[in-house]
Amino acid sequence: MKRNRRIATEFGKDTRFNVGIAAPPRFGGGEPELEQLKNELLLERLETALEPNADAYVRHAASEAAALAWVTPYPLLVFPALFEEKADAALARLERQTQIREQSRELLAV
């Protein structure tokens, strides 16, 4: 038969850590410049968008790209390429959704 044995335990002093948010160093702010760059590239991209409903998709991509670029040490340098990638992906997703919607209408009409 098993017996439950009690083991004496000793705990040391609690250790506390000071954890802060690790933000990259900023030299001279940059937030207004990033917002201005975002708006300029967004307007350029919206002028060239062929899809009529692209506005919301491209604006969302711009906001995502700005948020991701902001956590890098050089957001103004990173943002344009990141925005292009995000906008391309958003427009591809919109195109695919449009195709699916049209196919669904055709199937429902039969």
C-alpha atoms as a PDB file:
ATOM      1  CA  MET A   1       0.000   0.000   0.000  1.00  0.00           C
ATOM      2  CA  LYS A   2       1.226   3.483  -0.917  1.00  0.00           C
ATOM      3  CA  ARG A   3       1.658   6.104   1.688  1.00  0.00           C
ATOM      4  CA  ASN A   4       1.443   9.793   0.963  1.00  0.00           C
ATOM      5  CA  ARG A   5       4.554  11.428   2.181  1.00  0.00           C
ATOM      6  CA  ARG A   6       4.746  15.086   2.925  1.00  0.00           C
ATOM      7  CA  ILE A   7       7.804  16.829   1.696  1.00  0.00           C
ATOM      8  CA  ALA A   8       8.849  20.028   3.366  1.00  0.00           C
ATOM      9  CA  THR A   9       9.224  22.805   0.818  1.00  0.00           C
ATOM     10  CA  GLU A  10      11.042  26.053   1.094  1.00  0.00           C
ATOM     11  CA  PHE A  11      10.483  28.979  -1.186  1.00  0.00           C
ATOM     12  CA  GLY A  12      12.961  31.758  -1.749  1.00  0.00           C
ATOM     13  CA  LYS A  13      12.260  35.451  -2.031  1.00  0.00           C
ATOM     14  CA  ASP A  14       9.993  36.445  -4.943  1.00  0.00           C
ATOM     15  CA  THR A  15      11.848  37.825  -7.886  1.00  0.00           C
ATOM     16  CA  ARG A  16      10.232  40.670  -9.796  1.00  0.00           C
ATOM     17  CA  PHE A  17      11.188  41.844 -13.230  1.00  0.00           C
ATOM     18  CA  ASN A  18      10.612  45.266 -14.687  1.00  0.00           C
ATOM     19  CA  VAL A  19       9.282  44.598 -18.176  1.00  0.00           C
ATOM     20  CA  GLY A  20       8.788  47.567 -20.462  1.00  0.00           C
ATOM     21  CA  ILE A  21       7.665  47.861 -24.028  1.00  0.00           C
ATOM     22  CA  ALA A  22      10.566  47.431 -26.386  1.00  0.00           C
ATOM     23  CA  ALA A  23      10.090  50.160 -28.956  1.00  0.00           C
ATOM     24  CA  PRO A  24      12.683  50.949 -31.581  1.00  0.00           C
ATOM     25  CA  PRO A  25      14.547  54.212 -31.158  1.00  0.00           C
ATOM     26  CA  ARG A  26      12.960  57.155 -32.957  1.00  0.00           C
ATOM     27  CA  PHE A  27      15.042  60.019 -34.203  1.00  0.00           C
ATOM     28  CA  GLY A  28      12.897  63.113 -34.649  1.00  0.00           C
ATOM     29  CA  GLY A  29       9.408  61.590 -34.395  1.00  0.00           C
ATOM     30  CA  GLY A  30       8.281  60.807 -37.917  1.00  0.00           C
ATOM     31  CA  GLU A  31       4.604  60.183 -37.259  1.00  0.00           C
ATOM     32  CA  PRO A  32       3.297  63.159 -39.293  1.00  0.00           C
ATOM     33  CA  GLU A  33       5.695  62.316 -42.120  1.00  0.00           C
ATOM     34  CA  LEU A  34       4.534  58.697 -42.176  1.00  0.00           C
ATOM     35  CA  GLU A  35       0.896  59.785 -42.246  1.00  0.00           C
ATOM     36  CA  GLN A  36       1.617  62.203 -45.099  1.00  0.00           C
ATOM     37  CA  LEU A  37       3.478  59.515 -47.065  1.00  0.00           C
ATOM     38  CA  LYS A  38       0.636  57.072 -46.411  1.00  0.00           C
ATOM     39  CA  ASN A  39      -1.947  59.524 -47.748  1.00  0.00           C
ATOM     40  CA  GLU A  40       0.106  60.349 -50.857  1.00  0.00           C
ATOM     41  CA  LEU A  41       0.709  56.721 -51.779  1.00  0.00           C
ATOM     42  CA  LEU A  42      -2.890  55.836 -50.964  1.00  0.00           C
ATOM     43  CA  LEU A  43      -4.271  58.496 -53.304  1.00  0.00           C
ATOM     44  CA  GLU A  44      -1.883  57.395 -56.069  1.00  0.00           C
ATOM     45  CA  ARG A  45      -2.928  53.798 -55.683  1.00  0.00           C
ATOM     46  CA  LEU A  46      -6.644  54.597 -55.593  1.00  0.00           C
ATOM     47  CA  GLU A  47      -6.355  56.581 -58.839  1.00  0.00           C
ATOM     48  CA  THR A  48      -4.889  53.557 -60.623  1.00  0.00           C
ATOM     49  CA  ALA A  49      -7.197  50.941 -59.090  1.00  0.00           C
ATOM     50  CA  LEU A  50      -9.457  49.342 -61.678  1.00  0.00           C
ATOM     51  CA  GLU A  51     -11.926  47.756 -59.281  1.00  0.00           C
ATOM     52  CA  PRO A  52     -14.831  50.023 -58.292  1.00  0.00           C
ATOM     53  CA  ASN A  53     -14.919  48.756 -54.679  1.00  0.00           C
ATOM     54  CA  ALA A  54     -11.162  48.922 -54.133  1.00  0.00           C
ATOM     55  CA  ASP A  55     -11.286  51.961 -51.858  1.00  0.00           C
ATOM     56  CA  ALA A  56     -11.902  50.167 -48.557  1.00  0.00           C
ATOM     57  CA  TYR A  57      -9.476  47.349 -49.368  1.00  0.00           C
ATOM     58  CA  VAL A  58      -6.621  49.674 -50.279  1.00  0.00           C
ATOM     59  CA  ARG A  59      -7.252  51.953 -47.286  1.00  0.00           C
ATOM     60  CA  HIS A  60      -7.135  48.949 -44.969  1.00  0.00           C
ATOM     61  CA  ALA A  61      -3.897  47.784 -46.594  1.00  0.00           C
ATOM     62  CA  ALA A  62      -2.401  51.248 -46.097  1.00  0.00           C
ATOM     63  CA  SER A  63      -3.308  51.263 -42.417  1.00  0.00           C
ATOM     64  CA  GLU A  64      -1.855  47.781 -41.893  1.00  0.00           C
ATOM     65  CA  ALA A  65       1.338  48.718 -43.703  1.00  0.00           C
ATOM     66  CA  ALA A  66       1.708  51.924 -41.680  1.00  0.00           C
ATOM     67  CA  ALA A  67       1.217  50.059 -38.408  1.00  0.00           C
ATOM     68  CA  LEU A  68       3.801  47.441 -39.354  1.00  0.00           C
ATOM     69  CA  ALA A  69       6.252  50.015 -40.673  1.00  0.00           C
ATOM     70  CA  TRP A  70       5.943  52.083 -37.509  1.00  0.00           C
ATOM     71  CA  VAL A  71       7.472  49.340 -35.351  1.00  0.00           C
ATOM     72  CA  THR A  72      10.622  49.271 -37.480  1.00  0.00           C
ATOM     73  CA  PRO A  73      13.553  51.605 -36.898  1.00  0.00           C
ATOM     74  CA  TYR A  74      13.010  53.277 -40.312  1.00  0.00           C
ATOM     75  CA  PRO A  75       9.264  53.430 -41.010  1.00  0.00           C
ATOM     76  CA  LEU A  76       9.496  55.931 -43.875  1.00  0.00           C
ATOM     77  CA  LEU A  77      11.908  53.667 -45.688  1.00  0.00           C
ATOM     78  CA  VAL A  78       9.939  50.462 -45.114  1.00  0.00           C
ATOM     79  CA  PHE A  79       6.416  51.760 -45.689  1.00  0.00           C
ATOM     80  CA  PRO A  80       6.329  52.154 -49.518  1.00  0.00           C
ATOM     81  CA  ALA A  81       7.381  48.578 -50.282  1.00  0.00           C
ATOM     82  CA  LEU A  82       5.205  47.165 -47.516  1.00  0.00           C
ATOM     83  CA  PHE A  83       2.222  49.166 -48.750  1.00  0.00           C
ATOM     84  CA  GLU A  84       2.684  47.917 -52.315  1.00  0.00           C
ATOM     85  CA  GLU A  85       2.738  44.309 -51.122  1.00  0.00           C
ATOM     86  CA  LYS A  86      -0.316  44.762 -48.896  1.00  0.00           C
ATOM     87  CA  ALA A  87      -2.259  46.675 -51.572  1.00  0.00           C
ATOM     88  CA  ASP A  88      -1.469  44.049 -54.233  1.00  0.00           C
ATOM     89  CA  ALA A  89      -2.645  41.291 -51.910  1.00  0.00           C
ATOM     90  CA  ALA A  90      -5.806  43.215 -50.996  1.00  0.00           C
ATOM     91  CA  LEU A  91      -6.702  43.850 -54.633  1.00  0.00           C
ATOM     92  CA  ALA A  92      -6.048  40.217 -55.521  1.00  0.00           C
ATOM     93  CA  ARG A  93      -8.371  39.195 -52.671  1.00  0.00           C
ATOM     94  CA  LEU A  94     -11.022  41.649 -53.912  1.00  0.00           C
ATOM     95  CA  GLU A  95     -10.736  40.290 -57.448  1.00  0.00           C
ATOM     96  CA  ARG A  96     -11.095  36.714 -56.211  1.00  0.00           C
ATOM     97  CA  GLN A  97     -14.125  37.631 -54.101  1.00  0.00           C
ATOM     98  CA  THR A  98     -15.701  39.352 -57.109  1.00  0.00           C
ATOM     99  CA  GLN A  99     -15.178  36.238 -59.228  1.00  0.00           C
ATOM    100  CA  ILE A 100     -16.715  34.021 -56.559  1.00  0.00           C
ATOM    101  CA  ARG A 101     -19.683  36.377 -56.204  1.00  0.00           C
ATOM    102  CA  GLU A 102     -20.295  36.335 -59.976  1.00  0.00           C
ATOM    103  CA  GLN A 103     -20.020  32.537 -60.132  1.00  0.00           C
ATOM    104  CA  SER A 104     -22.436  32.229 -57.232  1.00  0.00           C
ATOM    105  CA  ARG A 105     -24.966  34.455 -58.991  1.00  0.00           C
ATOM    106  CA  GLU A 106     -24.698  32.321 -62.115  1.00  0.00           C
ATOM    107  CA  LEU A 107     -25.211  29.135 -60.103  1.00  0.00           C
ATOM    108  CA  LEU A 108     -28.204  30.565 -58.260  1.00  0.00           C
ATOM    109  CA  ALA A 109     -29.770  31.808 -61.494  1.00  0.00           C
ATOM    110  CA  VAL A 110     -29.843  28.310 -63.002  1.00  0.00           C
END
